[in-house]
Amino acid sequence: MEVQGKIKMIGETQTFGNNGFRKREIVVTTEEQYPQHIMIEFVQDKTDLLNNFSAGQNVKISINLRGREWLNPQGETKYFNSIQGWRIESLESNPAADMPPMPPEDAFEPANDLNVEDNDDLPF
């Protein structure tokens, strides 16, 4: 599944427990008639994927829906859902980034020594 929208907020990486579990949250605002503010968690090594993004960017995030069951001390069963991201990509196009760099003007030398008769051996 995927969620698309504009980044509203990116939280700091949080570390929990003795095992070093890491989590980082991002909020994305969808762009539809009734915009939604969707909180998505990135965990463990995926937290680093958010380093190159900032608030205001349009992104597409690949997600998994997670659900778990928990038995509280009173013996009641509770259910929790989370949205976990595993890939994020920018939807903003940067034309300069899409084009290969231009070689310097002095990289090409004019061909002044061409002879018209040299072109007779072309295969077409």
PDB file of N, CA and C in Angstrom:
ATOM      1  N   MET A   1       0.836  -1.172   0.000  1.00  0.00           N
ATOM      2  CA  MET A   1       0.000   0.000   0.000  1.00  0.00           C
ATOM      3  C   MET A   1       0.885   1.242   0.000  1.00  0.00           C
ATOM      4  N   GLU A   2       0.298   2.348  -0.426  1.00  0.00           N
ATOM      5  CA  GLU A   2       1.044   3.600  -0.486  1.00  0.00           C
ATOM      6  C   GLU A   2       0.207   4.764   0.031  1.00  0.00           C
ATOM      7  N   VAL A   3       0.901   5.741   0.584  1.00  0.00           N
ATOM      8  CA  VAL A   3       0.286   6.985   1.030  1.00  0.00           C
ATOM      9  C   VAL A   3       1.037   8.110   0.338  1.00  0.00           C
ATOM     10  N   GLN A   4       0.280   9.058  -0.253  1.00  0.00           N
ATOM     11  CA  GLN A   4       0.898  10.210  -0.895  1.00  0.00           C
ATOM     12  C   GLN A   4       0.426  11.472  -0.217  1.00  0.00           C
ATOM     13  N   GLY A   5       1.318  12.444  -0.098  1.00  0.00           N
ATOM     14  CA  GLY A   5       0.942  13.718   0.486  1.00  0.00           C
ATOM     15  C   GLY A   5       2.147  14.575   0.761  1.00  0.00           C
ATOM     16  N   LYS A   6       1.904  15.635   1.522  1.00  0.00           N
ATOM     17  CA  LYS A   6       2.942  16.601   1.871  1.00  0.00           C
ATOM     18  C   LYS A   6       3.388  16.348   3.303  1.00  0.00           C
ATOM     19  N   ILE A   7       4.705  16.328   3.512  1.00  0.00           N
ATOM     20  CA  ILE A   7       5.239  16.112   4.860  1.00  0.00           C
ATOM     21  C   ILE A   7       4.867  17.297   5.737  1.00  0.00           C
ATOM     22  N   LYS A   8       4.195  16.996   6.845  1.00  0.00           N
ATOM     23  CA  LYS A   8       3.838  18.029   7.812  1.00  0.00           C
ATOM     24  C   LYS A   8       4.888  18.119   8.919  1.00  0.00           C
ATOM     25  N   MET A   9       5.408  16.955   9.330  1.00  0.00           N
ATOM     26  CA  MET A   9       6.354  16.918  10.442  1.00  0.00           C
ATOM     27  C   MET A   9       7.161  15.632  10.383  1.00  0.00           C
ATOM     28  N   ILE A  10       8.441  15.727  10.745  1.00  0.00           N
ATOM     29  CA  ILE A  10       9.288  14.550  10.915  1.00  0.00           C
ATOM     30  C   ILE A  10       9.861  14.615  12.323  1.00  0.00           C
ATOM     31  N   GLY A  11       9.617  13.572  13.101  1.00  0.00           N
ATOM     32  CA  GLY A  11      10.104  13.535  14.477  1.00  0.00           C
ATOM     33  C   GLY A  11      11.540  13.057  14.557  1.00  0.00           C
ATOM     34  N   GLU A  12      12.089  13.200  15.739  1.00  0.00           N
ATOM     35  CA  GLU A  12      13.435  12.702  16.015  1.00  0.00           C
ATOM     36  C   GLU A  12      13.385  11.188  16.222  1.00  0.00           C
ATOM     37  N   THR A  13      14.512  10.528  16.023  1.00  0.00           N
ATOM     38  CA  THR A  13      14.607   9.091  16.270  1.00  0.00           C
ATOM     39  C   THR A  13      14.548   8.839  17.774  1.00  0.00           C
ATOM     40  N   GLN A  14      13.684   7.905  18.184  1.00  0.00           N
ATOM     41  CA  GLN A  14      13.542   7.528  19.581  1.00  0.00           C
ATOM     42  C   GLN A  14      14.081   6.114  19.758  1.00  0.00           C
ATOM     43  N   THR A  15      14.777   5.881  20.874  1.00  0.00           N
ATOM     44  CA  THR A  15      15.300   4.556  21.194  1.00  0.00           C
ATOM     45  C   THR A  15      14.623   4.065  22.463  1.00  0.00           C
ATOM     46  N   PHE A  16      14.187   2.786  22.449  1.00  0.00           N
ATOM     47  CA  PHE A  16      13.442   2.218  23.566  1.00  0.00           C
ATOM     48  C   PHE A  16      14.127   0.960  24.083  1.00  0.00           C
ATOM     49  N   GLY A  17      14.063   0.772  25.406  1.00  0.00           N
ATOM     50  CA  GLY A  17      14.498  -0.474  26.039  1.00  0.00           C
ATOM     51  C   GLY A  17      15.972  -0.775  25.913  1.00  0.00           C
ATOM     52  N   ASN A  18      16.317  -1.936  26.462  1.00  0.00           N
ATOM     53  CA  ASN A  18      17.712  -2.388  26.450  1.00  0.00           C
ATOM     54  C   ASN A  18      18.131  -2.966  25.108  1.00  0.00           C
ATOM     55  N   ASN A  19      17.150  -3.343  24.289  1.00  0.00           N
ATOM     56  CA  ASN A  19      17.480  -3.974  23.012  1.00  0.00           C
ATOM     57  C   ASN A  19      17.777  -2.958  21.912  1.00  0.00           C
ATOM     58  N   GLY A  20      17.606  -1.647  22.180  1.00  0.00           N
ATOM     59  CA  GLY A  20      17.947  -0.618  21.203  1.00  0.00           C
ATOM     60  C   GLY A  20      16.922  -0.444  20.103  1.00  0.00           C
ATOM     61  N   PHE A  21      15.668  -0.811  20.347  1.00  0.00           N
ATOM     62  CA  PHE A  21      14.610  -0.620  19.347  1.00  0.00           C
ATOM     63  C   PHE A  21      14.500   0.866  19.015  1.00  0.00           C
ATOM     64  N   ARG A  22      14.522   1.191  17.708  1.00  0.00           N
ATOM     65  CA  ARG A  22      14.450   2.580  17.269  1.00  0.00           C
ATOM     66  C   ARG A  22      13.181   2.821  16.472  1.00  0.00           C
ATOM     67  N   LYS A  23      12.608   4.034  16.648  1.00  0.00           N
ATOM     68  CA  LYS A  23      11.393   4.413  15.934  1.00  0.00           C
ATOM     69  C   LYS A  23      11.471   5.895  15.597  1.00  0.00           C
ATOM     70  N   ARG A  24      10.958   6.256  14.413  1.00  0.00           N
ATOM     71  CA  ARG A  24      10.879   7.657  14.003  1.00  0.00           C
ATOM     72  C   ARG A  24       9.537   7.855  13.317  1.00  0.00           C
ATOM     73  N   GLU A  25       8.848   8.925  13.677  1.00  0.00           N
ATOM     74  CA  GLU A  25       7.513   9.171  13.143  1.00  0.00           C
ATOM     75  C   GLU A  25       7.520  10.330  12.154  1.00  0.00           C
ATOM     76  N   ILE A  26       6.661  10.207  11.143  1.00  0.00           N
ATOM     77  CA  ILE A  26       6.467  11.250  10.143  1.00  0.00           C
ATOM     78  C   ILE A  26       4.963  11.443   9.991  1.00  0.00           C
ATOM     79  N   VAL A  27       4.534  12.678   9.817  1.00  0.00           N
ATOM     80  CA  VAL A  27       3.124  12.965   9.558  1.00  0.00           C
ATOM     81  C   VAL A  27       3.020  13.504   8.144  1.00  0.00           C
ATOM     82  N   VAL A  28       2.141  12.881   7.356  1.00  0.00           N
ATOM     83  CA  VAL A  28       1.915  13.274   5.975  1.00  0.00           C
ATOM     84  C   VAL A  28       0.464  13.726   5.852  1.00  0.00           C
ATOM     85  N   THR A  29       0.256  14.883   5.228  1.00  0.00           N
ATOM     86  CA  THR A  29      -1.089  15.391   4.983  1.00  0.00           C
ATOM     87  C   THR A  29      -1.473  15.055   3.554  1.00  0.00           C
ATOM     88  N   THR A  30      -2.553  14.291   3.401  1.00  0.00           N
ATOM     89  CA  THR A  30      -2.998  13.894   2.063  1.00  0.00           C
ATOM     90  C   THR A  30      -3.615  15.101   1.361  1.00  0.00           C
ATOM     91  N   GLU A  31      -3.621  15.049   0.049  1.00  0.00           N
ATOM     92  CA  GLU A  31      -4.183  16.140  -0.749  1.00  0.00           C
ATOM     93  C   GLU A  31      -5.433  15.625  -1.446  1.00  0.00           C
ATOM     94  N   GLU A  32      -6.554  15.730  -0.756  1.00  0.00           N
ATOM     95  CA  GLU A  32      -7.842  15.294  -1.273  1.00  0.00           C
ATOM     96  C   GLU A  32      -8.908  16.240  -0.747  1.00  0.00           C
ATOM     97  N   GLN A  33     -10.174  15.985  -1.048  1.00  0.00           N
ATOM     98  CA  GLN A  33     -11.225  16.893  -0.619  1.00  0.00           C
ATOM     99  C   GLN A  33     -11.221  17.093   0.896  1.00  0.00           C
ATOM    100  N   TYR A  34     -11.025  16.024   1.642  1.00  0.00           N
ATOM    101  CA  TYR A  34     -10.937  16.092   3.098  1.00  0.00           C
ATOM    102  C   TYR A  34      -9.556  15.583   3.508  1.00  0.00           C
ATOM    103  N   PRO A  35      -8.550  16.472   3.534  1.00  0.00           N
ATOM    104  CA  PRO A  35      -7.174  16.048   3.838  1.00  0.00           C
ATOM    105  C   PRO A  35      -7.085  15.335   5.186  1.00  0.00           C
ATOM    106  N   GLN A  36      -6.253  14.313   5.221  1.00  0.00           N
ATOM    107  CA  GLN A  36      -6.024  13.528   6.424  1.00  0.00           C
ATOM    108  C   GLN A  36      -4.575  13.706   6.856  1.00  0.00           C
ATOM    109  N   HIS A  37      -4.353  13.731   8.160  1.00  0.00           N
ATOM    110  CA  HIS A  37      -3.001  13.804   8.708  1.00  0.00           C
ATOM    111  C   HIS A  37      -2.648  12.394   9.175  1.00  0.00           C
ATOM    112  N   ILE A  38      -1.815  11.704   8.397  1.00  0.00           N
ATOM    113  CA  ILE A  38      -1.488  10.304   8.631  1.00  0.00           C
ATOM    114  C   ILE A  38      -0.114  10.205   9.293  1.00  0.00           C
ATOM    115  N   MET A  39      -0.075   9.579  10.473  1.00  0.00           N
ATOM    116  CA  MET A  39       1.187   9.363  11.166  1.00  0.00           C
ATOM    117  C   MET A  39       1.715   7.981  10.762  1.00  0.00           C
ATOM    118  N   ILE A  40       2.955   7.955  10.300  1.00  0.00           N
ATOM    119  CA  ILE A  40       3.577   6.715   9.831  1.00  0.00           C
ATOM    120  C   ILE A  40       4.865   6.518  10.614  1.00  0.00           C
ATOM    121  N   GLU A  41       5.097   5.305  11.069  1.00  0.00           N
ATOM    122  CA  GLU A  41       6.306   4.969  11.823  1.00  0.00           C
ATOM    123  C   GLU A  41       7.326   4.311  10.908  1.00  0.00           C
ATOM    124  N   PHE A  42       8.572   4.703  11.067  1.00  0.00           N
ATOM    125  CA  PHE A  42       9.694   3.991  10.455  1.00  0.00           C
ATOM    126  C   PHE A  42      10.491   3.407  11.614  1.00  0.00           C
ATOM    127  N   VAL A  43      10.832   2.121  11.542  1.00  0.00           N
ATOM    128  CA  VAL A  43      11.500   1.467  12.669  1.00  0.00           C
ATOM    129  C   VAL A  43      12.862   0.895  12.262  1.00  0.00           C
ATOM    130  N   GLN A  44      13.705   0.719  13.295  1.00  0.00           N
ATOM    131  CA  GLN A  44      15.051   0.149  13.180  1.00  0.00           C
ATOM    132  C   GLN A  44      15.867   0.878  12.108  1.00  0.00           C
ATOM    133  N   ASP A  45      16.454   0.167  11.150  1.00  0.00           N
ATOM    134  CA  ASP A  45      17.318   0.803  10.154  1.00  0.00           C
ATOM    135  C   ASP A  45      16.550   1.683   9.179  1.00  0.00           C
ATOM    136  N   LYS A  46      15.232   1.540   9.099  1.00  0.00           N
ATOM    137  CA  LYS A  46      14.415   2.360   8.188  1.00  0.00           C
ATOM    138  C   LYS A  46      14.285   3.801   8.674  1.00  0.00           C
ATOM    139  N   THR A  47      14.629   4.072   9.953  1.00  0.00           N
ATOM    140  CA  THR A  47      14.550   5.444  10.462  1.00  0.00           C
ATOM    141  C   THR A  47      15.477   6.369   9.678  1.00  0.00           C
ATOM    142  N   ASP A  48      16.576   5.845   9.176  1.00  0.00           N
ATOM    143  CA  ASP A  48      17.544   6.655   8.429  1.00  0.00           C
ATOM    144  C   ASP A  48      17.011   7.116   7.072  1.00  0.00           C
ATOM    145  N   LEU A  49      15.966   6.460   6.560  1.00  0.00           N
ATOM    146  CA  LEU A  49      15.399   6.857   5.273  1.00  0.00           C
ATOM    147  C   LEU A  49      14.837   8.271   5.312  1.00  0.00           C
ATOM    148  N   LEU A  50      14.491   8.763   6.497  1.00  0.00           N
ATOM    149  CA  LEU A  50      13.877  10.086   6.613  1.00  0.00           C
ATOM    150  C   LEU A  50      14.905  11.209   6.674  1.00  0.00           C
ATOM    151  N   ASN A  51      16.177  10.894   6.736  1.00  0.00           N
ATOM    152  CA  ASN A  51      17.223  11.910   6.892  1.00  0.00           C
ATOM    153  C   ASN A  51      17.256  12.920   5.750  1.00  0.00           C
ATOM    154  N   ASN A  52      16.898  12.511   4.537  1.00  0.00           N
ATOM    155  CA  ASN A  52      17.008  13.387   3.370  1.00  0.00           C
ATOM    156  C   ASN A  52      15.714  14.109   3.037  1.00  0.00           C
ATOM    157  N   PHE A  53      14.747  14.095   3.959  1.00  0.00           N
ATOM    158  CA  PHE A  53      13.459  14.716   3.704  1.00  0.00           C
ATOM    159  C   PHE A  53      13.178  15.785   4.744  1.00  0.00           C
ATOM    160  N   SER A  54      12.296  16.742   4.392  1.00  0.00           N
ATOM    161  CA  SER A  54      11.945  17.809   5.328  1.00  0.00           C
ATOM    162  C   SER A  54      10.491  18.207   5.120  1.00  0.00           C
ATOM    163  N   ALA A  55       9.960  18.943   6.075  1.00  0.00           N
ATOM    164  CA  ALA A  55       8.568  19.390   6.032  1.00  0.00           C
ATOM    165  C   ALA A  55       8.326  20.187   4.743  1.00  0.00           C
ATOM    166  N   GLY A  56       7.148  19.977   4.161  1.00  0.00           N
ATOM    167  CA  GLY A  56       6.771  20.683   2.946  1.00  0.00           C
ATOM    168  C   GLY A  56       6.979  19.898   1.667  1.00  0.00           C
ATOM    169  N   GLN A  57       7.753  18.830   1.701  1.00  0.00           N
ATOM    170  CA  GLN A  57       8.006  18.037   0.498  1.00  0.00           C
ATOM    171  C   GLN A  57       6.823  17.121   0.207  1.00  0.00           C
ATOM    172  N   ASN A  58       6.535  16.929  -1.084  1.00  0.00           N
ATOM    173  CA  ASN A  58       5.530  15.957  -1.510  1.00  0.00           C
ATOM    174  C   ASN A  58       6.207  14.610  -1.664  1.00  0.00           C
ATOM    175  N   VAL A  59       5.626  13.578  -1.033  1.00  0.00           N
ATOM    176  CA  VAL A  59       6.253  12.253  -1.024  1.00  0.00           C
ATOM    177  C   VAL A  59       5.231  11.152  -1.256  1.00  0.00           C
ATOM    178  N   LYS A  60       5.773  10.000  -1.606  1.00  0.00           N
ATOM    179  CA  LYS A  60       4.991   8.758  -1.662  1.00  0.00           C
ATOM    180  C   LYS A  60       5.685   7.781  -0.731  1.00  0.00           C
ATOM    181  N   ILE A  61       4.924   7.219   0.214  1.00  0.00           N
ATOM    182  CA  ILE A  61       5.480   6.307   1.205  1.00  0.00           C
ATOM    183  C   ILE A  61       4.825   4.941   1.043  1.00  0.00           C
ATOM    184  N   SER A  62       5.643   3.907   0.902  1.00  0.00           N
ATOM    185  CA  SER A  62       5.150   2.529   0.877  1.00  0.00           C
ATOM    186  C   SER A  62       4.991   2.078   2.320  1.00  0.00           C
ATOM    187  N   ILE A  63       3.816   1.493   2.629  1.00  0.00           N
ATOM    188  CA  ILE A  63       3.491   1.164   4.013  1.00  0.00           C
ATOM    189  C   ILE A  63       3.002  -0.268   4.167  1.00  0.00           C
ATOM    190  N   ASN A  64       3.082  -0.748   5.400  1.00  0.00           N
ATOM    191  CA  ASN A  64       2.436  -1.986   5.832  1.00  0.00           C
ATOM    192  C   ASN A  64       1.541  -1.633   7.011  1.00  0.00           C
ATOM    193  N   LEU A  65       0.347  -2.208   7.048  1.00  0.00           N
ATOM    194  CA  LEU A  65      -0.525  -2.056   8.212  1.00  0.00           C
ATOM    195  C   LEU A  65      -0.185  -3.162   9.189  1.00  0.00           C
ATOM    196  N   ARG A  66       0.006  -2.795  10.447  1.00  0.00           N
ATOM    197  CA  ARG A  66       0.359  -3.766  11.489  1.00  0.00           C
ATOM    198  C   ARG A  66      -0.714  -3.753  12.566  1.00  0.00           C
ATOM    199  N   GLY A  67      -1.033  -4.910  13.097  1.00  0.00           N
ATOM    200  CA  GLY A  67      -1.983  -5.030  14.194  1.00  0.00           C
ATOM    201  C   GLY A  67      -1.444  -5.995  15.232  1.00  0.00           C
ATOM    202  N   ARG A  68      -1.730  -5.717  16.492  1.00  0.00           N
ATOM    203  CA  ARG A  68      -1.259  -6.622  17.544  1.00  0.00           C
ATOM    204  C   ARG A  68      -2.286  -6.690  18.666  1.00  0.00           C
ATOM    205  N   GLU A  69      -2.191  -7.765  19.386  1.00  0.00           N
ATOM    206  CA  GLU A  69      -3.088  -8.038  20.500  1.00  0.00           C
ATOM    207  C   GLU A  69      -2.291  -7.928  21.798  1.00  0.00           C
ATOM    208  N   TRP A  70      -2.929  -7.364  22.831  1.00  0.00           N
ATOM    209  CA  TRP A  70      -2.259  -7.193  24.123  1.00  0.00           C
ATOM    210  C   TRP A  70      -3.248  -7.512  25.228  1.00  0.00           C
ATOM    211  N   LEU A  71      -2.802  -8.276  26.199  1.00  0.00           N
ATOM    212  CA  LEU A  71      -3.618  -8.624  27.356  1.00  0.00           C
ATOM    213  C   LEU A  71      -3.166  -7.743  28.516  1.00  0.00           C
ATOM    214  N   ASN A  72      -4.050  -6.841  28.975  1.00  0.00           N
ATOM    215  CA  ASN A  72      -3.662  -5.921  30.041  1.00  0.00           C
ATOM    216  C   ASN A  72      -3.686  -6.627  31.400  1.00  0.00           C
ATOM    217  N   PRO A  73      -3.154  -5.995  32.451  1.00  0.00           N
ATOM    218  CA  PRO A  73      -3.090  -6.636  33.778  1.00  0.00           C
ATOM    219  C   PRO A  73      -4.468  -7.030  34.340  1.00  0.00           C
ATOM    220  N   GLN A  74      -5.522  -6.390  33.886  1.00  0.00           N
ATOM    221  CA  GLN A  74      -6.869  -6.733  34.348  1.00  0.00           C
ATOM    222  C   GLN A  74      -7.464  -7.912  33.579  1.00  0.00           C
ATOM    223  N   GLY A  75      -6.709  -8.441  32.632  1.00  0.00           N
ATOM    224  CA  GLY A  75      -7.172  -9.600  31.867  1.00  0.00           C
ATOM    225  C   GLY A  75      -7.989  -9.241  30.640  1.00  0.00           C
ATOM    226  N   GLU A  76      -8.060  -7.962  30.294  1.00  0.00           N
ATOM    227  CA  GLU A  76      -8.809  -7.534  29.109  1.00  0.00           C
ATOM    228  C   GLU A  76      -7.893  -7.552  27.886  1.00  0.00           C
ATOM    229  N   THR A  77      -8.415  -8.029  26.791  1.00  0.00           N
ATOM    230  CA  THR A  77      -7.666  -8.058  25.542  1.00  0.00           C
ATOM    231  C   THR A  77      -7.869  -6.744  24.806  1.00  0.00           C
ATOM    232  N   LYS A  78      -6.774  -6.120  24.407  1.00  0.00           N
ATOM    233  CA  LYS A  78      -6.804  -4.866  23.648  1.00  0.00           C
ATOM    234  C   LYS A  78      -6.116  -5.091  22.309  1.00  0.00           C
ATOM    235  N   TYR A  79      -6.549  -4.322  21.309  1.00  0.00           N
ATOM    236  CA  TYR A  79      -5.969  -4.416  19.971  1.00  0.00           C
ATOM    237  C   TYR A  79      -5.436  -3.057  19.551  1.00  0.00           C
ATOM    238  N   PHE A  80      -4.260  -3.064  18.929  1.00  0.00           N
ATOM    239  CA  PHE A  80      -3.610  -1.836  18.485  1.00  0.00           C
ATOM    240  C   PHE A  80      -3.207  -1.981  17.026  1.00  0.00           C
ATOM    241  N   ASN A  81      -3.332  -0.883  16.297  1.00  0.00           N
ATOM    242  CA  ASN A  81      -2.925  -0.830  14.897  1.00  0.00           C
ATOM    243  C   ASN A  81      -1.820   0.198  14.726  1.00  0.00           C
ATOM    244  N   SER A  82      -0.957  -0.026  13.766  1.00  0.00           N
ATOM    245  CA  SER A  82       0.058   0.962  13.418  1.00  0.00           C
ATOM    246  C   SER A  82       0.296   0.914  11.914  1.00  0.00           C
ATOM    247  N   ILE A  83       0.794   2.023  11.404  1.00  0.00           N
ATOM    248  CA  ILE A  83       1.157   2.130   9.993  1.00  0.00           C
ATOM    249  C   ILE A  83       2.672   2.238   9.949  1.00  0.00           C
ATOM    250  N   GLN A  84       3.295   1.265   9.288  1.00  0.00           N
ATOM    251  CA  GLN A  84       4.754   1.213   9.267  1.00  0.00           C
ATOM    252  C   GLN A  84       5.263   1.460   7.849  1.00  0.00           C
ATOM    253  N   GLY A  85       6.129   2.462   7.718  1.00  0.00           N
ATOM    254  CA  GLY A  85       6.715   2.774   6.417  1.00  0.00           C
ATOM    255  C   GLY A  85       7.972   1.959   6.172  1.00  0.00           C
ATOM    256  N   TRP A  86       8.217   1.618   4.916  1.00  0.00           N
ATOM    257  CA  TRP A  86       9.430   0.878   4.575  1.00  0.00           C
ATOM    258  C   TRP A  86      10.158   1.468   3.370  1.00  0.00           C
ATOM    259  N   ARG A  87       9.510   2.443   2.696  1.00  0.00           N
ATOM    260  CA  ARG A  87      10.176   3.152   1.592  1.00  0.00           C
ATOM    261  C   ARG A  87       9.531   4.527   1.462  1.00  0.00           C
ATOM    262  N   ILE A  88      10.331   5.526   1.118  1.00  0.00           N
ATOM    263  CA  ILE A  88       9.826   6.879   0.896  1.00  0.00           C
ATOM    264  C   ILE A  88      10.528   7.444  -0.324  1.00  0.00           C
ATOM    265  N   GLU A  89       9.752   8.122  -1.181  1.00  0.00           N
ATOM    266  CA  GLU A  89      10.356   8.750  -2.351  1.00  0.00           C
ATOM    267  C   GLU A  89       9.709  10.109  -2.596  1.00  0.00           C
ATOM    268  N   SER A  90      10.494  11.020  -3.098  1.00  0.00           N
ATOM    269  CA  SER A  90      10.027  12.369  -3.375  1.00  0.00           C
ATOM    270  C   SER A  90       9.173  12.369  -4.639  1.00  0.00           C
ATOM    271  N   LEU A  91       8.101  13.149  -4.623  1.00  0.00           N
ATOM    272  CA  LEU A  91       7.270  13.314  -5.814  1.00  0.00           C
ATOM    273  C   LEU A  91       7.560  14.621  -6.522  1.00  0.00           C
ATOM    274  N   GLU A  92       8.497  15.384  -5.981  1.00  0.00           N
ATOM    275  CA  GLU A  92       8.845  16.667  -6.581  1.00  0.00           C
ATOM    276  C   GLU A  92       9.900  16.456  -7.641  1.00  0.00           C
ATOM    277  N   SER A  93       9.638  17.027  -8.804  1.00  0.00           N
ATOM    278  CA  SER A  93      10.619  16.880  -9.882  1.00  0.00           C
ATOM    279  C   SER A  93      11.549  18.071  -9.876  1.00  0.00           C
ATOM    280  N   ASN A  94      12.802  17.762  -9.992  1.00  0.00           N
ATOM    281  CA  ASN A  94      13.834  18.778 -10.077  1.00  0.00           C
ATOM    282  C   ASN A  94      14.482  18.611 -11.443  1.00  0.00           C
ATOM    283  N   PRO A  95      14.080  19.429 -12.447  1.00  0.00           N
ATOM    284  CA  PRO A  95      14.595  19.234 -13.807  1.00  0.00           C
ATOM    285  C   PRO A  95      16.115  19.214 -13.876  1.00  0.00           C
ATOM    286  N   ALA A  96      16.771  19.998 -13.075  1.00  0.00           N
ATOM    287  CA  ALA A  96      18.234  20.026 -13.109  1.00  0.00           C
ATOM    288  C   ALA A  96      18.815  18.699 -12.642  1.00  0.00           C
ATOM    289  N   ALA A  97      18.127  18.027 -11.709  1.00  0.00           N
ATOM    290  CA  ALA A  97      18.630  16.755 -11.199  1.00  0.00           C
ATOM    291  C   ALA A  97      18.382  15.619 -12.183  1.00  0.00           C
ATOM    292  N   ASP A  98      17.379  15.769 -13.058  1.00  0.00           N
ATOM    293  CA  ASP A  98      17.051  14.717 -14.003  1.00  0.00           C
ATOM    294  C   ASP A  98      17.962  14.723 -15.230  1.00  0.00           C
ATOM    295  N   MET A  99      18.628  15.838 -15.497  1.00  0.00           N
ATOM    296  CA  MET A  99      19.466  15.954 -16.678  1.00  0.00           C
ATOM    297  C   MET A  99      20.920  15.666 -16.330  1.00  0.00           C
ATOM    298  N   PRO A 100      21.643  15.006 -17.233  1.00  0.00           N
ATOM    299  CA  PRO A 100      23.073  14.795 -16.974  1.00  0.00           C
ATOM    300  C   PRO A 100      23.800  16.137 -17.050  1.00  0.00           C
ATOM    301  N   PRO A 101      24.913  16.268 -16.359  1.00  0.00           N
ATOM    302  CA  PRO A 101      25.642  17.546 -16.398  1.00  0.00           C
ATOM    303  C   PRO A 101      26.204  17.809 -17.786  1.00  0.00           C
ATOM    304  N   MET A 102      26.246  19.075 -18.163  1.00  0.00           N
ATOM    305  CA  MET A 102      26.790  19.474 -19.460  1.00  0.00           C
ATOM    306  C   MET A 102      28.314  19.511 -19.369  1.00  0.00           C
ATOM    307  N   PRO A 103      29.002  19.007 -20.389  1.00  0.00           N
ATOM    308  CA  PRO A 103      30.467  19.095 -20.377  1.00  0.00           C
ATOM    309  C   PRO A 103      30.889  20.555 -20.561  1.00  0.00           C
ATOM    310  N   PRO A 104      32.083  20.905 -20.103  1.00  0.00           N
ATOM    311  CA  PRO A 104      32.552  22.287 -20.287  1.00  0.00           C
ATOM    312  C   PRO A 104      32.678  22.607 -21.769  1.00  0.00           C
ATOM    313  N   GLU A 105      32.543  23.885 -22.098  1.00  0.00           N
ATOM    314  CA  GLU A 105      32.577  24.296 -23.509  1.00  0.00           C
ATOM    315  C   GLU A 105      33.882  23.946 -24.191  1.00  0.00           C
ATOM    316  N   ASP A 106      34.977  23.931 -23.457  1.00  0.00           N
ATOM    317  CA  ASP A 106      36.267  23.650 -24.075  1.00  0.00           C
ATOM    318  C   ASP A 106      36.542  22.144 -24.196  1.00  0.00           C
ATOM    319  N   ALA A 107      35.553  21.306 -23.862  1.00  0.00           N
ATOM    320  CA  ALA A 107      35.745  19.862 -23.951  1.00  0.00           C
ATOM    321  C   ALA A 107      35.717  19.381 -25.403  1.00  0.00           C
ATOM    322  N   PHE A 108      35.097  20.171 -26.263  1.00  0.00           N
ATOM    323  CA  PHE A 108      34.994  19.776 -27.668  1.00  0.00           C
ATOM    324  C   PHE A 108      35.840  20.728 -28.513  1.00  0.00           C
ATOM    325  N   GLU A 109      36.599  20.154 -29.431  1.00  0.00           N
ATOM    326  CA  GLU A 109      37.367  20.972 -30.354  1.00  0.00           C
ATOM    327  C   GLU A 109      36.703  20.878 -31.715  1.00  0.00           C
ATOM    328  N   PRO A 110      36.633  21.954 -32.439  1.00  0.00           N
ATOM    329  CA  PRO A 110      36.000  21.909 -33.764  1.00  0.00           C
ATOM    330  C   PRO A 110      36.808  21.025 -34.718  1.00  0.00           C
ATOM    331  N   ALA A 111      36.108  20.349 -35.589  1.00  0.00           N
ATOM    332  CA  ALA A 111      36.759  19.477 -36.565  1.00  0.00           C
ATOM    333  C   ALA A 111      37.004  20.286 -37.833  1.00  0.00           C
ATOM    334  N   ASN A 112      38.162  20.916 -37.912  1.00  0.00           N
ATOM    335  CA  ASN A 112      38.492  21.755 -39.061  1.00  0.00           C
ATOM    336  C   ASN A 112      39.147  20.987 -40.187  1.00  0.00           C
ATOM    337  N   ASP A 113      39.610  19.784 -39.937  1.00  0.00           N
ATOM    338  CA  ASP A 113      40.364  19.051 -40.947  1.00  0.00           C
ATOM    339  C   ASP A 113      39.512  18.004 -41.676  1.00  0.00           C
ATOM    340  N   LEU A 114      38.186  18.171 -41.675  1.00  0.00           N
ATOM    341  CA  LEU A 114      37.332  17.211 -42.381  1.00  0.00           C
ATOM    342  C   LEU A 114      37.446  17.416 -43.876  1.00  0.00           C
ATOM    343  N   ASN A 115      37.489  16.321 -44.568  1.00  0.00           N
ATOM    344  CA  ASN A 115      37.540  16.347 -46.016  1.00  0.00           C
ATOM    345  C   ASN A 115      36.225  15.747 -46.507  1.00  0.00           C
ATOM    346  N   VAL A 116      35.557  16.381 -47.424  1.00  0.00           N
ATOM    347  CA  VAL A 116      34.258  15.923 -47.914  1.00  0.00           C
ATOM    348  C   VAL A 116      34.377  14.519 -48.480  1.00  0.00           C
ATOM    349  N   GLU A 117      35.475  14.179 -49.110  1.00  0.00           N
ATOM    350  CA  GLU A 117      35.635  12.880 -49.740  1.00  0.00           C
ATOM    351  C   GLU A 117      35.794  11.756 -48.686  1.00  0.00           C
ATOM    352  N   ASP A 118      36.145  12.101 -47.430  1.00  0.00           N
ATOM    353  CA  ASP A 118      36.293  11.104 -46.384  1.00  0.00           C
ATOM    354  C   ASP A 118      34.953  10.471 -45.985  1.00  0.00           C
ATOM    355  N   ASN A 119      33.867  11.097 -46.318  1.00  0.00           N
ATOM    356  CA  ASN A 119      32.539  10.606 -45.930  1.00  0.00           C
ATOM    357  C   ASN A 119      31.993   9.587 -46.889  1.00  0.00           C
ATOM    358  N   ASP A 120      32.746   9.236 -47.973  1.00  0.00           N
ATOM    359  CA  ASP A 120      32.227   8.304 -48.984  1.00  0.00           C
ATOM    360  C   ASP A 120      32.184   6.866 -48.488  1.00  0.00           C
ATOM    361  N   ASP A 121      32.852   6.532 -47.407  1.00  0.00           N
ATOM    362  CA  ASP A 121      32.880   5.150 -46.957  1.00  0.00           C
ATOM    363  C   ASP A 121      31.796   4.839 -45.888  1.00  0.00           C
ATOM    364  N   LEU A 122      30.804   5.692 -45.750  1.00  0.00           N
ATOM    365  CA  LEU A 122      29.728   5.446 -44.794  1.00  0.00           C
ATOM    366  C   LEU A 122      28.879   4.266 -45.245  1.00  0.00           C
ATOM    367  N   PRO A 123      28.443   3.410 -44.345  1.00  0.00           N
ATOM    368  CA  PRO A 123      27.727   2.183 -44.721  1.00  0.00           C
ATOM    369  C   PRO A 123      26.271   2.406 -45.117  1.00  0.00           C
ATOM    370  N   PHE A 124      25.806   3.604 -45.185  1.00  0.00           N
ATOM    371  CA  PHE A 124      24.398   3.816 -45.564  1.00  0.00           C
ATOM    372  C   PHE A 124      24.255   4.875 -46.602  1.00  0.00           C
TER     373      PHE A 124
END
